[in-house]
PDB file of N, CA and C in Angstrom:
ATOM      1  N   UNK A   1       0.835  -1.187   0.000  1.00  0.00           N
ATOM      2  CA  UNK A   1       0.000   0.000   0.000  1.00  0.00           C
ATOM      3  C   UNK A   1       0.873   1.241   0.000  1.00  0.00           C
ATOM      4  N   UNK A   2       0.347   2.256  -0.624  1.00  0.00           N
ATOM      5  CA  UNK A   2       1.124   3.489  -0.647  1.00  0.00           C
ATOM      6  C   UNK A   2       0.962   4.226   0.689  1.00  0.00           C
ATOM      7  N   UNK A   3       1.857   5.148   0.916  1.00  0.00           N
ATOM      8  CA  UNK A   3       1.830   5.911   2.173  1.00  0.00           C
ATOM      9  C   UNK A   3       0.560   6.749   2.312  1.00  0.00           C
ATOM     10  N   UNK A   4       0.050   7.268   1.195  1.00  0.00           N
ATOM     11  CA  UNK A   4      -1.156   8.100   1.264  1.00  0.00           C
ATOM     12  C   UNK A   4      -2.364   7.295   1.733  1.00  0.00           C
ATOM     13  N   UNK A   5      -2.480   6.061   1.283  1.00  0.00           N
ATOM     14  CA  UNK A   5      -3.618   5.231   1.685  1.00  0.00           C
ATOM     15  C   UNK A   5      -3.523   4.894   3.168  1.00  0.00           C
ATOM     16  N   UNK A   6      -2.336   4.528   3.634  1.00  0.00           N
ATOM     17  CA  UNK A   6      -2.161   4.222   5.052  1.00  0.00           C
ATOM     18  C   UNK A   6      -2.414   5.441   5.930  1.00  0.00           C
ATOM     19  N   UNK A   7      -1.944   6.594   5.497  1.00  0.00           N
ATOM     20  CA  UNK A   7      -2.167   7.820   6.248  1.00  0.00           C
ATOM     21  C   UNK A   7      -3.659   8.123   6.353  1.00  0.00           C
ATOM     22  N   UNK A   8      -4.372   7.936   5.262  1.00  0.00           N
ATOM     23  CA  UNK A   8      -5.814   8.178   5.264  1.00  0.00           C
ATOM     24  C   UNK A   8      -6.535   7.210   6.186  1.00  0.00           C
ATOM     25  N   UNK A   9      -6.150   5.946   6.163  1.00  0.00           N
ATOM     26  CA  UNK A   9      -6.766   4.946   7.033  1.00  0.00           C
ATOM     27  C   UNK A   9      -6.509   5.287   8.496  1.00  0.00           C
ATOM     28  N   UNK A  10      -5.282   5.647   8.838  1.00  0.00           N
ATOM     29  CA  UNK A  10      -4.953   6.015  10.221  1.00  0.00           C
ATOM     30  C   UNK A  10      -5.740   7.242  10.662  1.00  0.00           C
ATOM     31  N   UNK A  11      -5.856   8.234   9.789  1.00  0.00           N
ATOM     32  CA  UNK A  11      -6.603   9.441  10.116  1.00  0.00           C
ATOM     33  C   UNK A  11      -8.071   9.117  10.375  1.00  0.00           C
ATOM     34  N   UNK A  12      -8.666   8.292   9.541  1.00  0.00           N
ATOM     35  CA  UNK A  12     -10.067   7.915   9.733  1.00  0.00           C
ATOM     36  C   UNK A  12     -10.261   7.136  11.029  1.00  0.00           C
ATOM     37  N   UNK A  13      -9.317   6.278  11.374  1.00  0.00           N
ATOM     38  CA  UNK A  13      -9.420   5.537  12.631  1.00  0.00           C
ATOM     39  C   UNK A  13      -9.308   6.452  13.841  1.00  0.00           C
ATOM     40  N   UNK A  14      -8.423   7.425  13.785  1.00  0.00           N
ATOM     41  CA  UNK A  14      -8.280   8.371  14.887  1.00  0.00           C
ATOM     42  C   UNK A  14      -9.544   9.213  15.026  1.00  0.00           C
ATOM     43  N   UNK A  15     -10.093   9.665  13.897  1.00  0.00           N
ATOM     44  CA  UNK A  15     -11.335  10.444  13.942  1.00  0.00           C
ATOM     45  C   UNK A  15     -12.462   9.609  14.517  1.00  0.00           C
ATOM     46  N   UNK A  16     -12.522   8.328  14.149  1.00  0.00           N
ATOM     47  CA  UNK A  16     -13.552   7.434  14.673  1.00  0.00           C
ATOM     48  C   UNK A  16     -13.437   7.294  16.191  1.00  0.00           C
ATOM     49  N   UNK A  17     -12.228   7.271  16.715  1.00  0.00           N
ATOM     50  CA  UNK A  17     -12.040   7.153  18.155  1.00  0.00           C
ATOM     51  C   UNK A  17     -12.325   8.454  18.899  1.00  0.00           C
ATOM     52  N   UNK A  18     -12.003   9.580  18.301  1.00  0.00           N
ATOM     53  CA  UNK A  18     -12.113  10.865  18.981  1.00  0.00           C
ATOM     54  C   UNK A  18     -13.514  11.468  18.873  1.00  0.00           C
ATOM     55  N   UNK A  19     -14.207  11.234  17.775  1.00  0.00           N
ATOM     56  CA  UNK A  19     -15.482  11.917  17.532  1.00  0.00           C
ATOM     57  C   UNK A  19     -16.544  11.651  18.594  1.00  0.00           C
ATOM     58  N   UNK A  20     -16.744  10.420  19.074  1.00  0.00           N
ATOM     59  CA  UNK A  20     -17.787  10.241  20.102  1.00  0.00           C
ATOM     60  C   UNK A  20     -17.547  11.079  21.359  1.00  0.00           C
ATOM     61  N   UNK A  21     -16.317  11.165  21.815  1.00  0.00           N
ATOM     62  CA  UNK A  21     -16.007  11.999  22.975  1.00  0.00           C
ATOM     63  C   UNK A  21     -16.218  13.476  22.686  1.00  0.00           C
ATOM     64  N   UNK A  22     -15.845  13.901  21.497  1.00  0.00           N
ATOM     65  CA  UNK A  22     -16.049  15.294  21.086  1.00  0.00           C
ATOM     66  C   UNK A  22     -17.530  15.613  21.035  1.00  0.00           C
ATOM     67  N   UNK A  23     -18.314  14.709  20.496  1.00  0.00           N
ATOM     68  CA  UNK A  23     -19.765  14.923  20.407  1.00  0.00           C
ATOM     69  C   UNK A  23     -20.404  14.934  21.796  1.00  0.00           C
ATOM     70  N   UNK A  24     -19.980  14.028  22.659  1.00  0.00           N
ATOM     71  CA  UNK A  24     -20.534  13.962  24.015  1.00  0.00           C
ATOM     72  C   UNK A  24     -20.215  15.234  24.800  1.00  0.00           C
ATOM     73  N   UNK A  25     -19.012  15.749  24.632  1.00  0.00           N
ATOM     74  CA  UNK A  25     -18.610  16.958  25.360  1.00  0.00           C
ATOM     75  C   UNK A  25     -19.325  18.201  24.835  1.00  0.00           C
ATOM     76  N   UNK A  26     -19.821  18.134  23.605  1.00  0.00           N
ATOM     77  CA  UNK A  26     -20.464  19.291  22.967  1.00  0.00           C
ATOM     78  C   UNK A  26     -21.902  18.961  22.578  1.00  0.00           C
ATOM     79  N   UNK A  27     -22.671  18.477  23.543  1.00  0.00           N
ATOM     80  CA  UNK A  27     -24.044  18.068  23.259  1.00  0.00           C
ATOM     81  C   UNK A  27     -24.932  19.232  22.842  1.00  0.00           C
ATOM     82  N   UNK A  28     -24.649  20.415  23.331  1.00  0.00           N
ATOM     83  CA  UNK A  28     -25.405  21.589  22.917  1.00  0.00           C
ATOM     84  C   UNK A  28     -25.070  21.894  21.456  1.00  0.00           C
ATOM     85  N   UNK A  29     -26.073  22.005  20.614  1.00  0.00           N
ATOM     86  CA  UNK A  29     -25.862  22.161  19.174  1.00  0.00           C
ATOM     87  C   UNK A  29     -25.054  23.411  18.832  1.00  0.00           C
ATOM     88  N   UNK A  30     -25.320  24.504  19.543  1.00  0.00           N
ATOM     89  CA  UNK A  30     -24.622  25.759  19.264  1.00  0.00           C
ATOM     90  C   UNK A  30     -23.128  25.636  19.588  1.00  0.00           C
ATOM     91  N   UNK A  31     -22.816  25.056  20.721  1.00  0.00           N
ATOM     92  CA  UNK A  31     -21.417  24.872  21.130  1.00  0.00           C
ATOM     93  C   UNK A  31     -20.728  23.884  20.189  1.00  0.00           C
ATOM     94  N   UNK A  32     -21.435  22.826  19.801  1.00  0.00           N
ATOM     95  CA  UNK A  32     -20.871  21.830  18.898  1.00  0.00           C
ATOM     96  C   UNK A  32     -20.484  22.457  17.562  1.00  0.00           C
ATOM     97  N   UNK A  33     -21.380  23.228  16.980  1.00  0.00           N
ATOM     98  CA  UNK A  33     -21.083  23.853  15.688  1.00  0.00           C
ATOM     99  C   UNK A  33     -19.938  24.850  15.801  1.00  0.00           C
ATOM    100  N   UNK A  34     -19.896  25.603  16.904  1.00  0.00           N
ATOM    101  CA  UNK A  34     -18.804  26.565  17.114  1.00  0.00           C
ATOM    102  C   UNK A  34     -17.459  25.840  17.181  1.00  0.00           C
ATOM    103  N   UNK A  35     -17.381  24.775  17.979  1.00  0.00           N
ATOM    104  CA  UNK A  35     -16.129  24.025  18.104  1.00  0.00           C
ATOM    105  C   UNK A  35     -15.762  23.320  16.804  1.00  0.00           C
ATOM    106  N   UNK A  36     -16.763  22.822  16.084  1.00  0.00           N
ATOM    107  CA  UNK A  36     -16.498  22.154  14.816  1.00  0.00           C
ATOM    108  C   UNK A  36     -15.920  23.130  13.799  1.00  0.00           C
ATOM    109  N   UNK A  37     -16.460  24.336  13.749  1.00  0.00           N
ATOM    110  CA  UNK A  37     -15.945  25.352  12.830  1.00  0.00           C
ATOM    111  C   UNK A  37     -14.518  25.741  13.207  1.00  0.00           C
ATOM    112  N   UNK A  38     -14.234  25.845  14.490  1.00  0.00           N
ATOM    113  CA  UNK A  38     -12.868  26.165  14.926  1.00  0.00           C
ATOM    114  C   UNK A  38     -11.904  25.074  14.489  1.00  0.00           C
ATOM    115  N   UNK A  39     -12.278  23.808  14.687  1.00  0.00           N
ATOM    116  CA  UNK A  39     -11.407  22.704  14.302  1.00  0.00           C
ATOM    117  C   UNK A  39     -11.225  22.609  12.790  1.00  0.00           C
ATOM    118  N   UNK A  40     -12.276  22.885  12.038  1.00  0.00           N
ATOM    119  CA  UNK A  40     -12.142  22.892  10.578  1.00  0.00           C
ATOM    120  C   UNK A  40     -11.170  23.994  10.158  1.00  0.00           C
ATOM    121  N   UNK A  41     -11.241  25.147  10.809  1.00  0.00           N
ATOM    122  CA  UNK A  41     -10.306  26.234  10.516  1.00  0.00           C
ATOM    123  C   UNK A  41      -8.870  25.864  10.841  1.00  0.00           C
ATOM    124  N   UNK A  42      -8.663  25.230  11.981  1.00  0.00           N
ATOM    125  CA  UNK A  42      -7.311  24.822  12.382  1.00  0.00           C
ATOM    126  C   UNK A  42      -6.746  23.811  11.382  1.00  0.00           C
ATOM    127  N   UNK A  43      -7.538  22.836  11.024  1.00  0.00           N
ATOM    128  CA  UNK A  43      -7.086  21.815  10.067  1.00  0.00           C
ATOM    129  C   UNK A  43      -6.832  22.434   8.703  1.00  0.00           C
ATOM    130  N   UNK A  44      -7.690  23.373   8.305  1.00  0.00           N
ATOM    131  CA  UNK A  44      -7.488  24.060   7.028  1.00  0.00           C
ATOM    132  C   UNK A  44      -6.183  24.839   7.001  1.00  0.00           C
ATOM    133  N   UNK A  45      -5.880  25.539   8.081  1.00  0.00           N
ATOM    134  CA  UNK A  45      -4.624  26.301   8.156  1.00  0.00           C
ATOM    135  C   UNK A  45      -3.420  25.358   8.094  1.00  0.00           C
ATOM    136  N   UNK A  46      -3.503  24.240   8.789  1.00  0.00           N
ATOM    137  CA  UNK A  46      -2.406  23.272   8.763  1.00  0.00           C
ATOM    138  C   UNK A  46      -2.209  22.720   7.361  1.00  0.00           C
ATOM    139  N   UNK A  47      -3.307  22.396   6.676  1.00  0.00           N
ATOM    140  CA  UNK A  47      -3.198  21.878   5.309  1.00  0.00           C
ATOM    141  C   UNK A  47      -2.595  22.908   4.365  1.00  0.00           C
ATOM    142  N   UNK A  48      -3.006  24.161   4.497  1.00  0.00           N
ATOM    143  CA  UNK A  48      -2.464  25.214   3.641  1.00  0.00           C
ATOM    144  C   UNK A  48      -0.978  25.416   3.901  1.00  0.00           C
ATOM    145  N   UNK A  49      -0.584  25.421   5.183  1.00  0.00           N
ATOM    146  CA  UNK A  49       0.838  25.602   5.510  1.00  0.00           C
ATOM    147  C   UNK A  49       1.680  24.442   4.995  1.00  0.00           C
ATOM    148  N   UNK A  50       1.189  23.231   5.096  1.00  0.00           N
ATOM    149  CA  UNK A  50       1.970  22.087   4.606  1.00  0.00           C
ATOM    150  C   UNK A  50       2.091  22.132   3.085  1.00  0.00           C
ATOM    151  N   UNK A  51       1.069  22.625   2.395  1.00  0.00           N
ATOM    152  CA  UNK A  51       1.166  22.765   0.934  1.00  0.00           C
ATOM    153  C   UNK A  51       2.248  23.763   0.547  1.00  0.00           C
ATOM    154  N   UNK A  52       2.275  24.918   1.254  1.00  0.00           N
ATOM    155  CA  UNK A  52       3.252  25.951   0.924  1.00  0.00           C
ATOM    156  C   UNK A  52       4.665  25.545   1.331  1.00  0.00           C
ATOM    157  N   UNK A  53       4.803  24.870   2.444  1.00  0.00           N
ATOM    158  CA  UNK A  53       6.132  24.481   2.902  1.00  0.00           C
ATOM    159  C   UNK A  53       6.684  23.299   2.110  1.00  0.00           C
ATOM    160  N   UNK A  54       5.808  22.528   1.507  1.00  0.00           N
ATOM    161  CA  UNK A  54       6.242  21.365   0.734  1.00  0.00           C
ATOM    162  C   UNK A  54       6.923  21.785  -0.566  1.00  0.00           C
ATOM    163  N   UNK A  55       6.458  22.898  -1.154  1.00  0.00           N
ATOM    164  CA  UNK A  55       7.018  23.353  -2.437  1.00  0.00           C
ATOM    165  C   UNK A  55       8.295  24.036  -2.261  1.00  0.00           C
TER     166      UNK A  55
END
């Protein structure tokens, strides 16, 4: 298997383990959406930085 496939599988497994706890801690819909948007922003910034630093 290529490294990209293994990385994707590991990422999905980690998300599967972490998401139930994240959802339980943020049962209020408003707080959940706020935290989800923050995490999407953090991940987006990391992805953008890795793209620029890779070149």
